[in-house]
Amino acid sequence: MIEQIQSRISQRSFNLFGFAPLMRAAVMIPLVEKDGKLHVLFEVRARTLKRQPGEICFPGGKIEDGDVSEQDAAVRETCEELGLVREDIQVIETLGILIPPYSSSIYSFIGKIHDYRKISPNKNEVEEIFYVPLDFFLEKEPDVHYIHLAVKPEENFPFELIPQGKNYKWRSSRLPEFFYQYDGRIIWGLTARILYEFITIVK
């Protein structure tokens, strides 16, 4: 039985799990050489999208069954959203996996777009793109504000089955939210969290 258990588990790829199946996504931090300086490319999501319309983000999306790897998904999504082909993108390194406080996992990669003039955004997904000099983020710290996460059981939760019942001391969390402001644009949320990790490592 031990051998069977070992065999079953060893056949699986590295897995992140929690209370619910984690939606797996992959994003790219695209770097471009522009006006003699390195810039970070951002997208503004199309206003017609159902999820987070008009918000600022990096290229990326859900990892599909046909993707060979998380990196492959990030490159595919970047190509689809920016009108590029794979040869236009050089993947520099993986940044890591971000686990937000809900059922998702985000694999992040740093890539360089060889020629930004080839970019032709997909208007179904991208309203516009803009560039921010990398030096801006290296020199300016983001504003940091905090949110609190708390557990709230549903009304039919079986309190009688747990110690202290309704007086059980559930854990709560205080999480930072990062805000970068550049030329009237606000970069925040998961995009800012990924960006902050990248800038911290570069520094």
C-alpha atoms as a PDB file:
ATOM      1  CA  MET A   1       0.000   0.000   0.000  1.00  0.00           C
ATOM      2  CA  ILE A   2       2.868   2.381   0.828  1.00  0.00           C
ATOM      3  CA  GLU A   3       4.379   1.747  -2.585  1.00  0.00           C
ATOM      4  CA  GLN A   4       1.045   2.431  -4.268  1.00  0.00           C
ATOM      5  CA  ILE A   5       0.646   5.713  -2.373  1.00  0.00           C
ATOM      6  CA  GLN A   6       4.179   6.776  -3.284  1.00  0.00           C
ATOM      7  CA  SER A   7       3.604   5.895  -6.935  1.00  0.00           C
ATOM      8  CA  ARG A   8       0.355   7.860  -7.151  1.00  0.00           C
ATOM      9  CA  ILE A   9       1.801  10.974  -5.533  1.00  0.00           C
ATOM     10  CA  SER A  10       5.109  10.891  -7.418  1.00  0.00           C
ATOM     11  CA  GLN A  11       3.211  10.949 -10.727  1.00  0.00           C
ATOM     12  CA  ARG A  12       1.732  14.330  -9.890  1.00  0.00           C
ATOM     13  CA  SER A  13       3.402  17.608 -10.754  1.00  0.00           C
ATOM     14  CA  PHE A  14       4.093  20.117  -7.983  1.00  0.00           C
ATOM     15  CA  ASN A  15       0.703  20.975  -6.525  1.00  0.00           C
ATOM     16  CA  LEU A  16      -0.659  23.861  -4.473  1.00  0.00           C
ATOM     17  CA  PHE A  17      -3.843  23.110  -2.599  1.00  0.00           C
ATOM     18  CA  GLY A  18      -6.161  24.586  -0.024  1.00  0.00           C
ATOM     19  CA  PHE A  19      -9.835  24.652   0.889  1.00  0.00           C
ATOM     20  CA  ALA A  20     -10.872  24.759  -2.767  1.00  0.00           C
ATOM     21  CA  PRO A  21      -9.196  23.933  -6.089  1.00  0.00           C
ATOM     22  CA  LEU A  22      -6.844  26.785  -6.917  1.00  0.00           C
ATOM     23  CA  MET A  23      -7.434  28.556 -10.222  1.00  0.00           C
ATOM     24  CA  ARG A  24      -3.998  28.637 -11.837  1.00  0.00           C
ATOM     25  CA  ALA A  25      -2.976  31.740 -13.779  1.00  0.00           C
ATOM     26  CA  ALA A  26       0.261  32.992 -15.309  1.00  0.00           C
ATOM     27  CA  VAL A  27       1.395  36.566 -15.934  1.00  0.00           C
ATOM     28  CA  MET A  28       4.344  38.261 -17.595  1.00  0.00           C
ATOM     29  CA  ILE A  29       6.165  41.376 -16.430  1.00  0.00           C
ATOM     30  CA  PRO A  30       7.145  42.725 -19.859  1.00  0.00           C
ATOM     31  CA  LEU A  31      10.301  44.830 -20.112  1.00  0.00           C
ATOM     32  CA  VAL A  32      11.026  46.914 -23.206  1.00  0.00           C
ATOM     33  CA  GLU A  33      13.931  49.061 -24.328  1.00  0.00           C
ATOM     34  CA  LYS A  34      12.479  52.469 -25.189  1.00  0.00           C
ATOM     35  CA  ASP A  35      14.227  55.806 -25.687  1.00  0.00           C
ATOM     36  CA  GLY A  36      17.455  54.274 -24.441  1.00  0.00           C
ATOM     37  CA  LYS A  37      15.931  53.182 -21.121  1.00  0.00           C
ATOM     38  CA  LEU A  38      14.323  50.043 -19.759  1.00  0.00           C
ATOM     39  CA  HIS A  39      10.554  50.372 -19.261  1.00  0.00           C
ATOM     40  CA  VAL A  40       7.827  48.203 -17.763  1.00  0.00           C
ATOM     41  CA  LEU A  41       4.780  47.654 -19.975  1.00  0.00           C
ATOM     42  CA  PHE A  42       1.284  47.724 -18.488  1.00  0.00           C
ATOM     43  CA  GLU A  43      -2.122  47.024 -19.973  1.00  0.00           C
ATOM     44  CA  VAL A  44      -5.444  48.705 -19.297  1.00  0.00           C
ATOM     45  CA  ARG A  45      -8.130  46.030 -19.452  1.00  0.00           C
ATOM     46  CA  ALA A  46     -10.923  46.534 -21.989  1.00  0.00           C
ATOM     47  CA  ARG A  47     -14.080  48.136 -20.559  1.00  0.00           C
ATOM     48  CA  THR A  48     -16.160  45.353 -22.134  1.00  0.00           C
ATOM     49  CA  LEU A  49     -14.588  42.621 -19.999  1.00  0.00           C
ATOM     50  CA  LYS A  50     -16.753  41.164 -17.232  1.00  0.00           C
ATOM     51  CA  ARG A  51     -13.916  40.906 -14.720  1.00  0.00           C
ATOM     52  CA  GLN A  52     -12.026  44.018 -13.616  1.00  0.00           C
ATOM     53  CA  PRO A  53     -12.816  46.174 -16.668  1.00  0.00           C
ATOM     54  CA  GLY A  54     -10.601  49.251 -17.044  1.00  0.00           C
ATOM     55  CA  GLU A  55      -8.068  48.114 -14.454  1.00  0.00           C
ATOM     56  CA  ILE A  56      -4.303  48.133 -14.956  1.00  0.00           C
ATOM     57  CA  CYS A  57      -2.604  44.760 -15.221  1.00  0.00           C
ATOM     58  CA  PHE A  58       0.200  42.712 -16.717  1.00  0.00           C
ATOM     59  CA  PRO A  59      -0.447  40.397 -19.673  1.00  0.00           C
ATOM     60  CA  GLY A  60      -1.636  37.022 -18.480  1.00  0.00           C
ATOM     61  CA  GLY A  61      -4.547  34.763 -17.754  1.00  0.00           C
ATOM     62  CA  LYS A  62      -5.733  31.301 -16.864  1.00  0.00           C
ATOM     63  CA  ILE A  63      -3.427  28.355 -17.504  1.00  0.00           C
ATOM     64  CA  GLU A  64      -5.149  26.129 -20.055  1.00  0.00           C
ATOM     65  CA  ASP A  65      -4.959  22.352 -20.438  1.00  0.00           C
ATOM     66  CA  GLY A  66      -3.045  22.754 -23.708  1.00  0.00           C
ATOM     67  CA  ASP A  67      -0.246  24.789 -22.132  1.00  0.00           C
ATOM     68  CA  VAL A  68       2.992  22.834 -21.796  1.00  0.00           C
ATOM     69  CA  SER A  69       3.996  24.759 -18.657  1.00  0.00           C
ATOM     70  CA  GLU A  70       3.170  27.826 -16.603  1.00  0.00           C
ATOM     71  CA  GLN A  71       5.810  29.746 -18.572  1.00  0.00           C
ATOM     72  CA  ASP A  72       4.239  28.605 -21.822  1.00  0.00           C
ATOM     73  CA  ALA A  73       0.906  29.980 -20.619  1.00  0.00           C
ATOM     74  CA  ALA A  74       2.422  33.344 -19.731  1.00  0.00           C
ATOM     75  CA  VAL A  75       4.052  33.650 -23.156  1.00  0.00           C
ATOM     76  CA  ARG A  76       0.869  32.546 -24.951  1.00  0.00           C
ATOM     77  CA  GLU A  77      -1.276  35.077 -23.107  1.00  0.00           C
ATOM     78  CA  THR A  78       1.251  37.860 -23.742  1.00  0.00           C
ATOM     79  CA  CYS A  79       1.291  37.068 -27.457  1.00  0.00           C
ATOM     80  CA  GLU A  80      -2.508  36.939 -27.654  1.00  0.00           C
ATOM     81  CA  GLU A  81      -3.007  40.216 -25.821  1.00  0.00           C
ATOM     82  CA  LEU A  82      -0.196  42.191 -27.476  1.00  0.00           C
ATOM     83  CA  GLY A  83      -0.365  40.777 -30.995  1.00  0.00           C
ATOM     84  CA  LEU A  84       3.097  39.215 -30.853  1.00  0.00           C
ATOM     85  CA  VAL A  85       4.649  35.857 -31.700  1.00  0.00           C
ATOM     86  CA  ARG A  86       6.733  33.780 -29.323  1.00  0.00           C
ATOM     87  CA  GLU A  87       9.984  34.789 -31.005  1.00  0.00           C
ATOM     88  CA  ASP A  88       9.262  38.406 -30.009  1.00  0.00           C
ATOM     89  CA  ILE A  89       9.590  37.557 -26.313  1.00  0.00           C
ATOM     90  CA  GLN A  90      12.615  36.473 -24.301  1.00  0.00           C
ATOM     91  CA  VAL A  91      11.727  34.953 -20.943  1.00  0.00           C
ATOM     92  CA  ILE A  92      14.375  36.161 -18.504  1.00  0.00           C
ATOM     93  CA  GLU A  93      13.406  34.392 -15.288  1.00  0.00           C
ATOM     94  CA  THR A  94      10.535  33.174 -13.147  1.00  0.00           C
ATOM     95  CA  LEU A  95       9.565  35.476 -10.291  1.00  0.00           C
ATOM     96  CA  GLY A  96       7.669  32.914  -8.246  1.00  0.00           C
ATOM     97  CA  ILE A  97       4.116  32.025  -7.316  1.00  0.00           C
ATOM     98  CA  LEU A  98       1.750  34.506  -5.686  1.00  0.00           C
ATOM     99  CA  ILE A  99      -0.992  32.985  -3.533  1.00  0.00           C
ATOM    100  CA  PRO A 100      -3.686  35.637  -2.946  1.00  0.00           C
ATOM    101  CA  PRO A 101      -6.104  35.215  -0.005  1.00  0.00           C
ATOM    102  CA  TYR A 102      -8.673  33.461  -2.222  1.00  0.00           C
ATOM    103  CA  SER A 103      -8.744  30.423  -4.467  1.00  0.00           C
ATOM    104  CA  SER A 104      -6.093  31.231  -7.051  1.00  0.00           C
ATOM    105  CA  SER A 105      -2.379  30.912  -7.681  1.00  0.00           C
ATOM    106  CA  ILE A 106      -0.457  33.235  -9.991  1.00  0.00           C
ATOM    107  CA  TYR A 107       2.789  32.139 -11.627  1.00  0.00           C
ATOM    108  CA  SER A 108       4.842  35.217 -12.537  1.00  0.00           C
ATOM    109  CA  PHE A 109       7.585  35.605 -15.116  1.00  0.00           C
ATOM    110  CA  ILE A 110       9.885  38.409 -16.255  1.00  0.00           C
ATOM    111  CA  GLY A 111      10.297  38.781 -20.001  1.00  0.00           C
ATOM    112  CA  LYS A 112      11.783  41.168 -22.523  1.00  0.00           C
ATOM    113  CA  ILE A 113       9.946  42.229 -25.681  1.00  0.00           C
ATOM    114  CA  HIS A 114      12.584  42.618 -28.363  1.00  0.00           C
ATOM    115  CA  ASP A 115      10.838  45.369 -30.370  1.00  0.00           C
ATOM    116  CA  TYR A 116       7.943  47.237 -28.772  1.00  0.00           C
ATOM    117  CA  ARG A 117       7.026  48.707 -32.161  1.00  0.00           C
ATOM    118  CA  LYS A 118       5.637  45.292 -33.150  1.00  0.00           C
ATOM    119  CA  ILE A 119       3.024  45.453 -30.414  1.00  0.00           C
ATOM    120  CA  SER A 120      -0.573  45.551 -31.647  1.00  0.00           C
ATOM    121  CA  PRO A 121      -2.951  45.200 -28.658  1.00  0.00           C
ATOM    122  CA  ASN A 122      -5.984  42.939 -28.944  1.00  0.00           C
ATOM    123  CA  LYS A 123      -8.831  45.429 -28.496  1.00  0.00           C
ATOM    124  CA  ASN A 124     -11.159  42.696 -27.223  1.00  0.00           C
ATOM    125  CA  GLU A 125      -9.000  42.401 -24.123  1.00  0.00           C
ATOM    126  CA  VAL A 126      -6.757  45.468 -23.993  1.00  0.00           C
ATOM    127  CA  GLU A 127      -8.029  49.049 -24.128  1.00  0.00           C
ATOM    128  CA  GLU A 128      -4.526  50.501 -24.239  1.00  0.00           C
ATOM    129  CA  ILE A 129      -0.956  49.967 -23.126  1.00  0.00           C
ATOM    130  CA  PHE A 130       1.499  52.329 -21.485  1.00  0.00           C
ATOM    131  CA  TYR A 131       5.107  52.273 -20.335  1.00  0.00           C
ATOM    132  CA  VAL A 132       6.733  53.319 -17.065  1.00  0.00           C
ATOM    133  CA  PRO A 133      10.537  53.719 -16.779  1.00  0.00           C
ATOM    134  CA  LEU A 134      11.991  51.033 -14.541  1.00  0.00           C
ATOM    135  CA  ASP A 135      13.983  53.754 -12.770  1.00  0.00           C
ATOM    136  CA  PHE A 136      10.716  55.246 -11.511  1.00  0.00           C
ATOM    137  CA  PHE A 137       9.942  52.130  -9.475  1.00  0.00           C
ATOM    138  CA  LEU A 138      13.533  51.750  -8.311  1.00  0.00           C
ATOM    139  CA  GLU A 139      13.549  55.299  -6.947  1.00  0.00           C
ATOM    140  CA  LYS A 140      10.004  55.652  -5.582  1.00  0.00           C
ATOM    141  CA  GLU A 141       8.472  53.566  -2.811  1.00  0.00           C
ATOM    142  CA  PRO A 142       4.793  52.718  -3.178  1.00  0.00           C
ATOM    143  CA  ASP A 143       2.115  53.981  -0.833  1.00  0.00           C
ATOM    144  CA  VAL A 144       1.064  51.166   1.494  1.00  0.00           C
ATOM    145  CA  HIS A 145      -2.366  50.733   3.045  1.00  0.00           C
ATOM    146  CA  TYR A 146      -3.798  47.737   4.845  1.00  0.00           C
ATOM    147  CA  ILE A 147      -6.871  45.571   4.612  1.00  0.00           C
ATOM    148  CA  HIS A 148      -8.186  43.146   7.221  1.00  0.00           C
ATOM    149  CA  LEU A 149      -9.391  39.657   6.402  1.00  0.00           C
ATOM    150  CA  ALA A 150     -11.611  37.841   8.860  1.00  0.00           C
ATOM    151  CA  VAL A 151     -13.462  34.513   8.923  1.00  0.00           C
ATOM    152  CA  LYS A 152     -17.255  34.713   8.908  1.00  0.00           C
ATOM    153  CA  PRO A 153     -18.957  31.303   9.177  1.00  0.00           C
ATOM    154  CA  GLU A 154     -22.337  30.838   7.486  1.00  0.00           C
ATOM    155  CA  GLU A 155     -25.498  30.815   9.572  1.00  0.00           C
ATOM    156  CA  ASN A 156     -25.844  27.015   9.458  1.00  0.00           C
ATOM    157  CA  PHE A 157     -22.233  26.421  10.541  1.00  0.00           C
ATOM    158  CA  PRO A 158     -22.123  23.565  13.145  1.00  0.00           C
ATOM    159  CA  PHE A 159     -20.605  25.521  16.027  1.00  0.00           C
ATOM    160  CA  GLU A 160     -21.548  22.693  18.393  1.00  0.00           C
ATOM    161  CA  LEU A 161     -18.896  20.518  16.742  1.00  0.00           C
ATOM    162  CA  ILE A 162     -15.918  22.753  17.511  1.00  0.00           C
ATOM    163  CA  PRO A 163     -14.238  23.862  20.764  1.00  0.00           C
ATOM    164  CA  GLN A 164     -15.661  27.087  22.284  1.00  0.00           C
ATOM    165  CA  GLY A 165     -18.560  26.977  19.803  1.00  0.00           C
ATOM    166  CA  LYS A 166     -19.570  30.467  18.679  1.00  0.00           C
ATOM    167  CA  ASN A 167     -16.762  31.892  20.815  1.00  0.00           C
ATOM    168  CA  TYR A 168     -14.077  30.108  18.801  1.00  0.00           C
ATOM    169  CA  LYS A 169     -11.132  32.432  18.137  1.00  0.00           C
ATOM    170  CA  TRP A 170     -10.870  32.519  14.349  1.00  0.00           C
ATOM    171  CA  ARG A 171      -7.655  33.847  12.868  1.00  0.00           C
ATOM    172  CA  SER A 172      -7.635  37.155  11.047  1.00  0.00           C
ATOM    173  CA  SER A 173      -5.040  38.750   8.788  1.00  0.00           C
ATOM    174  CA  ARG A 174      -3.773  42.263   8.102  1.00  0.00           C
ATOM    175  CA  LEU A 175      -2.499  42.467   4.545  1.00  0.00           C
ATOM    176  CA  PRO A 176      -0.668  45.289   2.765  1.00  0.00           C
ATOM    177  CA  GLU A 177      -2.038  46.870  -0.418  1.00  0.00           C
ATOM    178  CA  PHE A 178       0.549  48.663  -2.557  1.00  0.00           C
ATOM    179  CA  PHE A 179      -0.223  51.733  -4.674  1.00  0.00           C
ATOM    180  CA  TYR A 180       2.026  53.200  -7.353  1.00  0.00           C
ATOM    181  CA  GLN A 181       0.922  56.490  -8.944  1.00  0.00           C
ATOM    182  CA  TYR A 182       2.437  57.464 -12.271  1.00  0.00           C
ATOM    183  CA  ASP A 183       1.222  60.130 -14.693  1.00  0.00           C
ATOM    184  CA  GLY A 184      -2.313  60.021 -13.324  1.00  0.00           C
ATOM    185  CA  ARG A 185      -2.530  56.231 -13.368  1.00  0.00           C
ATOM    186  CA  ILE A 186      -2.982  54.021 -10.310  1.00  0.00           C
ATOM    187  CA  ILE A 187      -1.258  50.646 -10.227  1.00  0.00           C
ATOM    188  CA  TRP A 188      -2.562  48.582  -7.336  1.00  0.00           C
ATOM    189  CA  GLY A 189      -3.938  45.161  -6.353  1.00  0.00           C
ATOM    190  CA  LEU A 190      -2.245  41.961  -7.443  1.00  0.00           C
ATOM    191  CA  THR A 191      -0.408  43.797 -10.222  1.00  0.00           C
ATOM    192  CA  ALA A 192       1.229  46.103  -7.692  1.00  0.00           C
ATOM    193  CA  ARG A 193       1.988  43.156  -5.399  1.00  0.00           C
ATOM    194  CA  ILE A 194       3.789  41.297  -8.187  1.00  0.00           C
ATOM    195  CA  LEU A 195       5.549  44.494  -9.251  1.00  0.00           C
ATOM    196  CA  TYR A 196       6.676  45.182  -5.677  1.00  0.00           C
ATOM    197  CA  GLU A 197       8.199  41.706  -5.407  1.00  0.00           C
ATOM    198  CA  PHE A 198      10.050  42.202  -8.688  1.00  0.00           C
ATOM    199  CA  ILE A 199      11.375  45.651  -7.732  1.00  0.00           C
ATOM    200  CA  THR A 200      12.442  44.432  -4.281  1.00  0.00           C
ATOM    201  CA  ILE A 201      14.512  41.656  -5.844  1.00  0.00           C
ATOM    202  CA  VAL A 202      16.050  44.000  -8.442  1.00  0.00           C
ATOM    203  CA  LYS A 203      17.057  46.448  -5.718  1.00  0.00           C
END
